[in-house]
Amino acid sequence: MPLDITVLGRYTYLATELFWGAVAALLLRRANALRKAAVTILALYPIAYVWDRYTLAVGVFDIKLRTGIDVAGIPLEEHLFMAVVPGLVVGVHETIFGGRE
């Protein structure tokens, strides 16, 4: 039976972002790829922001277990998501392939 984290209520989404963000940060630090991730996140963020703002506006998805704090028209947790996902991808990639000559 999977762990039911919905007991965190409106902090559920935030908790998942912080957990996976910590995993991403550990991988990036281990692979010495924090700078690569930062550049990737900065490059992708504007695209992700526009995409996210649009999909939320037209009702593609609705986030129920969130804090309710909006920043620049989208939930705080979505801003974190837009950093965590590319950070995790770069962290995994660099952990697997980084340092190969």
PDB file of N, CA and C in Angstrom:
ATOM      1  N   MET A   1       0.839  -1.183   0.000  1.00  0.00           N
ATOM      2  CA  MET A   1       0.000   0.000   0.000  1.00  0.00           C
ATOM      3  C   MET A   1       0.885   1.248   0.000  1.00  0.00           C
ATOM      4  N   PRO A   2       0.644   2.159  -0.947  1.00  0.00           N
ATOM      5  CA  PRO A   2       1.475   3.363  -1.014  1.00  0.00           C
ATOM      6  C   PRO A   2       1.238   4.290   0.180  1.00  0.00           C
ATOM      7  N   LEU A   3       2.258   5.041   0.509  1.00  0.00           N
ATOM      8  CA  LEU A   3       2.182   6.011   1.594  1.00  0.00           C
ATOM      9  C   LEU A   3       1.204   7.121   1.204  1.00  0.00           C
ATOM     10  N   ASP A   4       0.229   7.409   2.051  1.00  0.00           N
ATOM     11  CA  ASP A   4      -0.765   8.442   1.778  1.00  0.00           C
ATOM     12  C   ASP A   4      -0.289   9.765   2.375  1.00  0.00           C
ATOM     13  N   ILE A   5       0.268  10.620   1.521  1.00  0.00           N
ATOM     14  CA  ILE A   5       0.766  11.902   2.024  1.00  0.00           C
ATOM     15  C   ILE A   5      -0.293  12.996   1.977  1.00  0.00           C
ATOM     16  N   THR A   6      -1.509  12.658   1.563  1.00  0.00           N
ATOM     17  CA  THR A   6      -2.566  13.673   1.518  1.00  0.00           C
ATOM     18  C   THR A   6      -2.944  14.162   2.906  1.00  0.00           C
ATOM     19  N   VAL A   7      -2.434  13.484   3.938  1.00  0.00           N
ATOM     20  CA  VAL A   7      -2.677  13.957   5.306  1.00  0.00           C
ATOM     21  C   VAL A   7      -2.032  15.321   5.526  1.00  0.00           C
ATOM     22  N   LEU A   8      -1.128  15.709   4.639  1.00  0.00           N
ATOM     23  CA  LEU A   8      -0.490  17.020   4.731  1.00  0.00           C
ATOM     24  C   LEU A   8      -1.404  18.132   4.220  1.00  0.00           C
ATOM     25  N   GLY A   9      -2.578  17.740   3.703  1.00  0.00           N
ATOM     26  CA  GLY A   9      -3.562  18.728   3.265  1.00  0.00           C
ATOM     27  C   GLY A   9      -3.021  19.681   2.229  1.00  0.00           C
ATOM     28  N   ARG A  10      -3.182  20.964   2.491  1.00  0.00           N
ATOM     29  CA  ARG A  10      -2.775  21.968   1.504  1.00  0.00           C
ATOM     30  C   ARG A  10      -1.259  22.061   1.326  1.00  0.00           C
ATOM     31  N   TYR A  11      -0.507  21.353   2.128  1.00  0.00           N
ATOM     32  CA  TYR A  11       0.956  21.349   1.988  1.00  0.00           C
ATOM     33  C   TYR A  11       1.469  20.109   1.245  1.00  0.00           C
ATOM     34  N   THR A  12       0.562  19.292   0.740  1.00  0.00           N
ATOM     35  CA  THR A  12       0.945  18.048   0.075  1.00  0.00           C
ATOM     36  C   THR A  12       1.842  18.292  -1.132  1.00  0.00           C
ATOM     37  N   TYR A  13       1.420  19.145  -2.042  1.00  0.00           N
ATOM     38  CA  TYR A  13       2.199  19.411  -3.255  1.00  0.00           C
ATOM     39  C   TYR A  13       3.540  20.045  -2.895  1.00  0.00           C
ATOM     40  N   LEU A  14       3.533  20.989  -1.963  1.00  0.00           N
ATOM     41  CA  LEU A  14       4.770  21.637  -1.528  1.00  0.00           C
ATOM     42  C   LEU A  14       5.742  20.616  -0.957  1.00  0.00           C
ATOM     43  N   ALA A  15       5.244  19.698  -0.142  1.00  0.00           N
ATOM     44  CA  ALA A  15       6.102  18.675   0.454  1.00  0.00           C
ATOM     45  C   ALA A  15       6.737  17.789  -0.608  1.00  0.00           C
ATOM     46  N   THR A  16       5.965  17.423  -1.630  1.00  0.00           N
ATOM     47  CA  THR A  16       6.542  16.579  -2.680  1.00  0.00           C
ATOM     48  C   THR A  16       7.603  17.339  -3.457  1.00  0.00           C
ATOM     49  N   GLU A  17       7.376  18.614  -3.718  1.00  0.00           N
ATOM     50  CA  GLU A  17       8.373  19.412  -4.438  1.00  0.00           C
ATOM     51  C   GLU A  17       9.654  19.563  -3.613  1.00  0.00           C
ATOM     52  N   LEU A  18       9.502  19.777  -2.327  1.00  0.00           N
ATOM     53  CA  LEU A  18      10.689  19.906  -1.475  1.00  0.00           C
ATOM     54  C   LEU A  18      11.458  18.593  -1.379  1.00  0.00           C
ATOM     55  N   PHE A  19      10.734  17.479  -1.288  1.00  0.00           N
ATOM     56  CA  PHE A  19      11.396  16.176  -1.232  1.00  0.00           C
ATOM     57  C   PHE A  19      12.188  15.914  -2.506  1.00  0.00           C
ATOM     58  N   TRP A  20      11.529  16.021  -3.661  1.00  0.00           N
ATOM     59  CA  TRP A  20      12.211  15.739  -4.933  1.00  0.00           C
ATOM     60  C   TRP A  20      13.247  16.806  -5.263  1.00  0.00           C
ATOM     61  N   GLY A  21      13.027  18.027  -4.788  1.00  0.00           N
ATOM     62  CA  GLY A  21      14.049  19.064  -4.946  1.00  0.00           C
ATOM     63  C   GLY A  21      15.309  18.721  -4.171  1.00  0.00           C
ATOM     64  N   ALA A  22      15.145  18.148  -2.980  1.00  0.00           N
ATOM     65  CA  ALA A  22      16.305  17.720  -2.182  1.00  0.00           C
ATOM     66  C   ALA A  22      17.040  16.578  -2.876  1.00  0.00           C
ATOM     67  N   VAL A  23      16.286  15.645  -3.457  1.00  0.00           N
ATOM     68  CA  VAL A  23      16.918  14.554  -4.215  1.00  0.00           C
ATOM     69  C   VAL A  23      17.710  15.131  -5.381  1.00  0.00           C
ATOM     70  N   ALA A  24      17.109  16.060  -6.115  1.00  0.00           N
ATOM     71  CA  ALA A  24      17.792  16.690  -7.252  1.00  0.00           C
ATOM     72  C   ALA A  24      19.060  17.406  -6.783  1.00  0.00           C
ATOM     73  N   ALA A  25      18.963  18.167  -5.702  1.00  0.00           N
ATOM     74  CA  ALA A  25      20.128  18.902  -5.185  1.00  0.00           C
ATOM     75  C   ALA A  25      21.254  17.959  -4.782  1.00  0.00           C
ATOM     76  N   LEU A  26      20.923  16.851  -4.152  1.00  0.00           N
ATOM     77  CA  LEU A  26      21.951  15.873  -3.767  1.00  0.00           C
ATOM     78  C   LEU A  26      22.638  15.278  -4.997  1.00  0.00           C
ATOM     79  N   LEU A  27      21.844  14.909  -6.004  1.00  0.00           N
ATOM     80  CA  LEU A  27      22.437  14.365  -7.240  1.00  0.00           C
ATOM     81  C   LEU A  27      23.315  15.398  -7.930  1.00  0.00           C
ATOM     82  N   LEU A  28      22.840  16.626  -7.998  1.00  0.00           N
ATOM     83  CA  LEU A  28      23.606  17.683  -8.661  1.00  0.00           C
ATOM     84  C   LEU A  28      24.904  17.975  -7.918  1.00  0.00           C
ATOM     85  N   ARG A  29      24.838  17.983  -6.622  1.00  0.00           N
ATOM     86  CA  ARG A  29      26.058  18.222  -5.829  1.00  0.00           C
ATOM     87  C   ARG A  29      27.048  17.071  -6.010  1.00  0.00           C
ATOM     88  N   ARG A  30      26.524  15.855  -5.952  1.00  0.00           N
ATOM     89  CA  ARG A  30      27.375  14.662  -6.120  1.00  0.00           C
ATOM     90  C   ARG A  30      28.055  14.652  -7.483  1.00  0.00           C
ATOM     91  N   ALA A  31      27.315  15.082  -8.516  1.00  0.00           N
ATOM     92  CA  ALA A  31      27.846  15.083  -9.881  1.00  0.00           C
ATOM     93  C   ALA A  31      28.578  16.380 -10.215  1.00  0.00           C
ATOM     94  N   ASN A  32      28.650  17.290  -9.254  1.00  0.00           N
ATOM     95  CA  ASN A  32      29.285  18.594  -9.474  1.00  0.00           C
ATOM     96  C   ASN A  32      28.657  19.299 -10.683  1.00  0.00           C
ATOM     97  N   ALA A  33      27.331  19.318 -10.719  1.00  0.00           N
ATOM     98  CA  ALA A  33      26.618  19.856 -11.879  1.00  0.00           C
ATOM     99  C   ALA A  33      25.624  20.953 -11.507  1.00  0.00           C
ATOM    100  N   LEU A  34      25.841  21.616 -10.387  1.00  0.00           N
ATOM    101  CA  LEU A  34      24.920  22.673  -9.972  1.00  0.00           C
ATOM    102  C   LEU A  34      24.861  23.799 -11.000  1.00  0.00           C
ATOM    103  N   ARG A  35      25.990  24.167 -11.553  1.00  0.00           N
ATOM    104  CA  ARG A  35      26.022  25.252 -12.553  1.00  0.00           C
ATOM    105  C   ARG A  35      25.283  24.846 -13.824  1.00  0.00           C
ATOM    106  N   LYS A  36      25.518  23.633 -14.303  1.00  0.00           N
ATOM    107  CA  LYS A  36      24.809  23.146 -15.492  1.00  0.00           C
ATOM    108  C   LYS A  36      23.308  23.163 -15.272  1.00  0.00           C
ATOM    109  N   ALA A  37      22.882  22.733 -14.107  1.00  0.00           N
ATOM    110  CA  ALA A  37      21.450  22.717 -13.803  1.00  0.00           C
ATOM    111  C   ALA A  37      20.893  24.131 -13.745  1.00  0.00           C
ATOM    112  N   ALA A  38      21.622  25.038 -13.131  1.00  0.00           N
ATOM    113  CA  ALA A  38      21.154  26.426 -13.024  1.00  0.00           C
ATOM    114  C   ALA A  38      20.971  27.045 -14.408  1.00  0.00           C
ATOM    115  N   VAL A  39      21.921  26.819 -15.300  1.00  0.00           N
ATOM    116  CA  VAL A  39      21.812  27.353 -16.663  1.00  0.00           C
ATOM    117  C   VAL A  39      20.618  26.735 -17.379  1.00  0.00           C
ATOM    118  N   THR A  40      20.447  25.429 -17.238  1.00  0.00           N
ATOM    119  CA  THR A  40      19.326  24.730 -17.870  1.00  0.00           C
ATOM    120  C   THR A  40      17.997  25.240 -17.336  1.00  0.00           C
ATOM    121  N   ILE A  41      17.893  25.382 -16.027  1.00  0.00           N
ATOM    122  CA  ILE A  41      16.663  25.868 -15.412  1.00  0.00           C
ATOM    123  C   ILE A  41      16.347  27.283 -15.886  1.00  0.00           C
ATOM    124  N   LEU A  42      17.344  28.157 -15.913  1.00  0.00           N
ATOM    125  CA  LEU A  42      17.124  29.529 -16.375  1.00  0.00           C
ATOM    126  C   LEU A  42      16.691  29.583 -17.838  1.00  0.00           C
ATOM    127  N   ALA A  43      17.230  28.693 -18.645  1.00  0.00           N
ATOM    128  CA  ALA A  43      16.861  28.662 -20.063  1.00  0.00           C
ATOM    129  C   ALA A  43      15.440  28.147 -20.264  1.00  0.00           C
ATOM    130  N   LEU A  44      15.041  27.148 -19.484  1.00  0.00           N
ATOM    131  CA  LEU A  44      13.718  26.532 -19.649  1.00  0.00           C
ATOM    132  C   LEU A  44      12.595  27.244 -18.906  1.00  0.00           C
ATOM    133  N   TYR A  45      12.931  27.979 -17.863  1.00  0.00           N
ATOM    134  CA  TYR A  45      11.916  28.564 -17.000  1.00  0.00           C
ATOM    135  C   TYR A  45      10.897  29.437 -17.738  1.00  0.00           C
ATOM    136  N   PRO A  46      11.314  30.363 -18.596  1.00  0.00           N
ATOM    137  CA  PRO A  46      10.306  31.194 -19.278  1.00  0.00           C
ATOM    138  C   PRO A  46       9.321  30.377 -20.120  1.00  0.00           C
ATOM    139  N   ILE A  47       9.809  29.359 -20.792  1.00  0.00           N
ATOM    140  CA  ILE A  47       8.940  28.497 -21.596  1.00  0.00           C
ATOM    141  C   ILE A  47       7.971  27.754 -20.676  1.00  0.00           C
ATOM    142  N   ALA A  48       8.493  27.188 -19.604  1.00  0.00           N
ATOM    143  CA  ALA A  48       7.661  26.439 -18.659  1.00  0.00           C
ATOM    144  C   ALA A  48       6.618  27.342 -18.014  1.00  0.00           C
ATOM    145  N   TYR A  49       7.004  28.563 -17.697  1.00  0.00           N
ATOM    146  CA  TYR A  49       6.069  29.506 -17.066  1.00  0.00           C
ATOM    147  C   TYR A  49       4.883  29.808 -17.982  1.00  0.00           C
ATOM    148  N   VAL A  50       5.172  30.147 -19.239  1.00  0.00           N
ATOM    149  CA  VAL A  50       4.101  30.456 -20.193  1.00  0.00           C
ATOM    150  C   VAL A  50       3.207  29.239 -20.400  1.00  0.00           C
ATOM    151  N   TRP A  51       3.817  28.084 -20.559  1.00  0.00           N
ATOM    152  CA  TRP A  51       3.074  26.836 -20.763  1.00  0.00           C
ATOM    153  C   TRP A  51       2.169  26.557 -19.556  1.00  0.00           C
ATOM    154  N   ASP A  52       2.729  26.675 -18.363  1.00  0.00           N
ATOM    155  CA  ASP A  52       1.986  26.394 -17.134  1.00  0.00           C
ATOM    156  C   ASP A  52       0.854  27.391 -16.941  1.00  0.00           C
ATOM    157  N   ARG A  53       1.140  28.649 -17.139  1.00  0.00           N
ATOM    158  CA  ARG A  53       0.116  29.685 -16.962  1.00  0.00           C
ATOM    159  C   ARG A  53      -1.058  29.436 -17.910  1.00  0.00           C
ATOM    160  N   TYR A  54      -0.743  29.094 -19.151  1.00  0.00           N
ATOM    161  CA  TYR A  54      -1.785  28.821 -20.140  1.00  0.00           C
ATOM    162  C   TYR A  54      -2.617  27.588 -19.755  1.00  0.00           C
ATOM    163  N   THR A  55      -1.944  26.478 -19.432  1.00  0.00           N
ATOM    164  CA  THR A  55      -2.691  25.251 -19.130  1.00  0.00           C
ATOM    165  C   THR A  55      -3.562  25.395 -17.888  1.00  0.00           C
ATOM    166  N   LEU A  56      -3.095  26.154 -16.916  1.00  0.00           N
ATOM    167  CA  LEU A  56      -3.931  26.416 -15.743  1.00  0.00           C
ATOM    168  C   LEU A  56      -5.126  27.302 -16.108  1.00  0.00           C
ATOM    169  N   ALA A  57      -4.894  28.299 -16.950  1.00  0.00           N
ATOM    170  CA  ALA A  57      -5.953  29.233 -17.338  1.00  0.00           C
ATOM    171  C   ALA A  57      -7.070  28.547 -18.117  1.00  0.00           C
ATOM    172  N   VAL A  58      -6.722  27.604 -18.972  1.00  0.00           N
ATOM    173  CA  VAL A  58      -7.755  26.937 -19.781  1.00  0.00           C
ATOM    174  C   VAL A  58      -8.324  25.705 -19.085  1.00  0.00           C
ATOM    175  N   GLY A  59      -7.811  25.382 -17.905  1.00  0.00           N
ATOM    176  CA  GLY A  59      -8.374  24.291 -17.122  1.00  0.00           C
ATOM    177  C   GLY A  59      -7.881  22.904 -17.474  1.00  0.00           C
ATOM    178  N   VAL A  60      -6.680  22.801 -18.045  1.00  0.00           N
ATOM    179  CA  VAL A  60      -6.124  21.489 -18.369  1.00  0.00           C
ATOM    180  C   VAL A  60      -5.951  20.660 -17.100  1.00  0.00           C
ATOM    181  N   PHE A  61      -5.536  21.300 -16.028  1.00  0.00           N
ATOM    182  CA  PHE A  61      -5.446  20.601 -14.751  1.00  0.00           C
ATOM    183  C   PHE A  61      -5.758  21.559 -13.614  1.00  0.00           C
ATOM    184  N   ASP A  62      -6.117  20.989 -12.480  1.00  0.00           N
ATOM    185  CA  ASP A  62      -6.470  21.745 -11.290  1.00  0.00           C
ATOM    186  C   ASP A  62      -5.701  21.136 -10.123  1.00  0.00           C
ATOM    187  N   ILE A  63      -5.010  21.970  -9.380  1.00  0.00           N
ATOM    188  CA  ILE A  63      -4.183  21.493  -8.286  1.00  0.00           C
ATOM    189  C   ILE A  63      -4.931  21.737  -6.979  1.00  0.00           C
ATOM    190  N   LYS A  64      -5.395  20.662  -6.379  1.00  0.00           N
ATOM    191  CA  LYS A  64      -6.231  20.790  -5.177  1.00  0.00           C
ATOM    192  C   LYS A  64      -5.421  20.848  -3.884  1.00  0.00           C
ATOM    193  N   LEU A  65      -4.385  20.043  -3.750  1.00  0.00           N
ATOM    194  CA  LEU A  65      -3.636  19.957  -2.490  1.00  0.00           C
ATOM    195  C   LEU A  65      -2.414  20.873  -2.528  1.00  0.00           C
ATOM    196  N   ARG A  66      -2.671  22.174  -2.583  1.00  0.00           N
ATOM    197  CA  ARG A  66      -1.607  23.169  -2.652  1.00  0.00           C
ATOM    198  C   ARG A  66      -1.813  24.228  -1.586  1.00  0.00           C
ATOM    199  N   THR A  67      -0.811  25.042  -1.357  1.00  0.00           N
ATOM    200  CA  THR A  67      -0.868  26.041  -0.297  1.00  0.00           C
ATOM    201  C   THR A  67      -1.870  27.149  -0.572  1.00  0.00           C
ATOM    202  N   GLY A  68      -2.132  27.413  -1.838  1.00  0.00           N
ATOM    203  CA  GLY A  68      -3.015  28.525  -2.188  1.00  0.00           C
ATOM    204  C   GLY A  68      -2.263  29.813  -2.410  1.00  0.00           C
ATOM    205  N   ILE A  69      -0.947  29.745  -2.301  1.00  0.00           N
ATOM    206  CA  ILE A  69      -0.117  30.931  -2.538  1.00  0.00           C
ATOM    207  C   ILE A  69       0.206  30.986  -4.023  1.00  0.00           C
ATOM    208  N   ASP A  70      -0.206  32.083  -4.675  1.00  0.00           N
ATOM    209  CA  ASP A  70       0.105  32.280  -6.085  1.00  0.00           C
ATOM    210  C   ASP A  70       1.193  33.332  -6.222  1.00  0.00           C
ATOM    211  N   VAL A  71       2.108  33.095  -7.140  1.00  0.00           N
ATOM    212  CA  VAL A  71       3.166  34.037  -7.459  1.00  0.00           C
ATOM    213  C   VAL A  71       3.138  34.230  -8.969  1.00  0.00           C
ATOM    214  N   ALA A  72       2.971  35.454  -9.396  1.00  0.00           N
ATOM    215  CA  ALA A  72       2.923  35.787 -10.819  1.00  0.00           C
ATOM    216  C   ALA A  72       1.863  34.966 -11.563  1.00  0.00           C
ATOM    217  N   GLY A  73       0.749  34.753 -10.917  1.00  0.00           N
ATOM    218  CA  GLY A  73      -0.388  34.113 -11.558  1.00  0.00           C
ATOM    219  C   GLY A  73      -0.433  32.603 -11.547  1.00  0.00           C
ATOM    220  N   ILE A  74       0.549  31.958 -10.933  1.00  0.00           N
ATOM    221  CA  ILE A  74       0.528  30.492 -10.840  1.00  0.00           C
ATOM    222  C   ILE A  74       0.916  30.068  -9.420  1.00  0.00           C
ATOM    223  N   PRO A  75       0.519  28.860  -9.021  1.00  0.00           N
ATOM    224  CA  PRO A  75       0.834  28.408  -7.663  1.00  0.00           C
ATOM    225  C   PRO A  75       2.339  28.377  -7.380  1.00  0.00           C
ATOM    226  N   LEU A  76       2.687  28.709  -6.161  1.00  0.00           N
ATOM    227  CA  LEU A  76       4.079  28.656  -5.700  1.00  0.00           C
ATOM    228  C   LEU A  76       4.709  27.314  -6.045  1.00  0.00           C
ATOM    229  N   GLU A  77       3.962  26.239  -5.824  1.00  0.00           N
ATOM    230  CA  GLU A  77       4.486  24.889  -6.059  1.00  0.00           C
ATOM    231  C   GLU A  77       4.854  24.661  -7.518  1.00  0.00           C
ATOM    232  N   GLU A  78       4.142  25.307  -8.426  1.00  0.00           N
ATOM    233  CA  GLU A  78       4.462  25.158  -9.853  1.00  0.00           C
ATOM    234  C   GLU A  78       5.793  25.803 -10.193  1.00  0.00           C
ATOM    235  N   HIS A  79       6.107  26.910  -9.549  1.00  0.00           N
ATOM    236  CA  HIS A  79       7.418  27.533  -9.749  1.00  0.00           C
ATOM    237  C   HIS A  79       8.521  26.563  -9.306  1.00  0.00           C
ATOM    238  N   LEU A  80       8.308  25.922  -8.170  1.00  0.00           N
ATOM    239  CA  LEU A  80       9.280  24.935  -7.699  1.00  0.00           C
ATOM    240  C   LEU A  80       9.380  23.767  -8.672  1.00  0.00           C
ATOM    241  N   PHE A  81       8.238  23.301  -9.154  1.00  0.00           N
ATOM    242  CA  PHE A  81       8.194  22.195 -10.115  1.00  0.00           C
ATOM    243  C   PHE A  81       9.046  22.522 -11.348  1.00  0.00           C
ATOM    244  N   MET A  82       8.969  23.773 -11.809  1.00  0.00           N
ATOM    245  CA  MET A  82       9.703  24.182 -13.008  1.00  0.00           C
ATOM    246  C   MET A  82      11.216  24.228 -12.781  1.00  0.00           C
ATOM    247  N   ALA A  83      11.642  24.201 -11.542  1.00  0.00           N
ATOM    248  CA  ALA A  83      13.069  24.112 -11.238  1.00  0.00           C
ATOM    249  C   ALA A  83      13.463  22.678 -10.893  1.00  0.00           C
ATOM    250  N   VAL A  84      12.598  21.985 -10.174  1.00  0.00           N
ATOM    251  CA  VAL A  84      12.912  20.628  -9.722  1.00  0.00           C
ATOM    252  C   VAL A  84      13.041  19.657 -10.890  1.00  0.00           C
ATOM    253  N   VAL A  85      12.115  19.692 -11.829  1.00  0.00           N
ATOM    254  CA  VAL A  85      12.135  18.707 -12.921  1.00  0.00           C
ATOM    255  C   VAL A  85      13.413  18.808 -13.751  1.00  0.00           C
ATOM    256  N   PRO A  86      13.767  19.979 -14.293  1.00  0.00           N
ATOM    257  CA  PRO A  86      15.021  20.009 -15.043  1.00  0.00           C
ATOM    258  C   PRO A  86      16.248  19.748 -14.158  1.00  0.00           C
ATOM    259  N   GLY A  87      16.186  20.180 -12.903  1.00  0.00           N
ATOM    260  CA  GLY A  87      17.287  19.900 -11.988  1.00  0.00           C
ATOM    261  C   GLY A  87      17.471  18.410 -11.773  1.00  0.00           C
ATOM    262  N   LEU A  88      16.373  17.702 -11.623  1.00  0.00           N
ATOM    263  CA  LEU A  88      16.430  16.250 -11.448  1.00  0.00           C
ATOM    264  C   LEU A  88      16.936  15.561 -12.715  1.00  0.00           C
ATOM    265  N   VAL A  89      16.473  16.029 -13.862  1.00  0.00           N
ATOM    266  CA  VAL A  89      16.933  15.444 -15.136  1.00  0.00           C
ATOM    267  C   VAL A  89      18.435  15.644 -15.302  1.00  0.00           C
ATOM    268  N   VAL A  90      18.914  16.863 -15.077  1.00  0.00           N
ATOM    269  CA  VAL A  90      20.352  17.122 -15.205  1.00  0.00           C
ATOM    270  C   VAL A  90      21.119  16.318 -14.154  1.00  0.00           C
ATOM    271  N   GLY A  91      20.596  16.247 -12.941  1.00  0.00           N
ATOM    272  CA  GLY A  91      21.263  15.489 -11.883  1.00  0.00           C
ATOM    273  C   GLY A  91      21.397  14.019 -12.218  1.00  0.00           C
ATOM    274  N   VAL A  92      20.346  13.412 -12.739  1.00  0.00           N
ATOM    275  CA  VAL A  92      20.400  11.997 -13.129  1.00  0.00           C
ATOM    276  C   VAL A  92      21.340  11.823 -14.312  1.00  0.00           C
ATOM    277  N   HIS A  93      21.213  12.692 -15.309  1.00  0.00           N
ATOM    278  CA  HIS A  93      22.066  12.592 -16.493  1.00  0.00           C
ATOM    279  C   HIS A  93      23.546  12.703 -16.123  1.00  0.00           C
ATOM    280  N   GLU A  94      23.871  13.689 -15.326  1.00  0.00           N
ATOM    281  CA  GLU A  94      25.272  13.892 -14.955  1.00  0.00           C
ATOM    282  C   GLU A  94      25.782  12.801 -14.017  1.00  0.00           C
ATOM    283  N   THR A  95      24.913  12.238 -13.206  1.00  0.00           N
ATOM    284  CA  THR A  95      25.312  11.122 -12.351  1.00  0.00           C
ATOM    285  C   THR A  95      25.658   9.909 -13.205  1.00  0.00           C
ATOM    286  N   ILE A  96      24.889   9.676 -14.260  1.00  0.00           N
ATOM    287  CA  ILE A  96      25.123   8.530 -15.128  1.00  0.00           C
ATOM    288  C   ILE A  96      26.266   8.777 -16.097  1.00  0.00           C
ATOM    289  N   PHE A  97      26.269   9.926 -16.769  1.00  0.00           N
ATOM    290  CA  PHE A  97      27.198  10.165 -17.868  1.00  0.00           C
ATOM    291  C   PHE A  97      28.293  11.180 -17.575  1.00  0.00           C
ATOM    292  N   GLY A  98      28.191  11.938 -16.514  1.00  0.00           N
ATOM    293  CA  GLY A  98      29.174  12.985 -16.214  1.00  0.00           C
ATOM    294  C   GLY A  98      30.559  12.423 -15.988  1.00  0.00           C
ATOM    295  N   GLY A  99      31.554  13.181 -16.404  1.00  0.00           N
ATOM    296  CA  GLY A  99      32.935  12.777 -16.174  1.00  0.00           C
ATOM    297  C   GLY A  99      33.491  11.772 -17.168  1.00  0.00           C
ATOM    298  N   ARG A 100      32.666  11.310 -18.088  1.00  0.00           N
ATOM    299  CA  ARG A 100      33.173  10.393 -19.108  1.00  0.00           C
ATOM    300  C   ARG A 100      33.945  11.171 -20.149  1.00  0.00           C
ATOM    301  N   GLU A 101      35.068  10.659 -20.485  1.00  0.00           N
ATOM    302  CA  GLU A 101      35.916  11.326 -21.497  1.00  0.00           C
ATOM    303  C   GLU A 101      35.567  10.855 -22.874  1.00  0.00           C
TER     304      GLU A 101
END
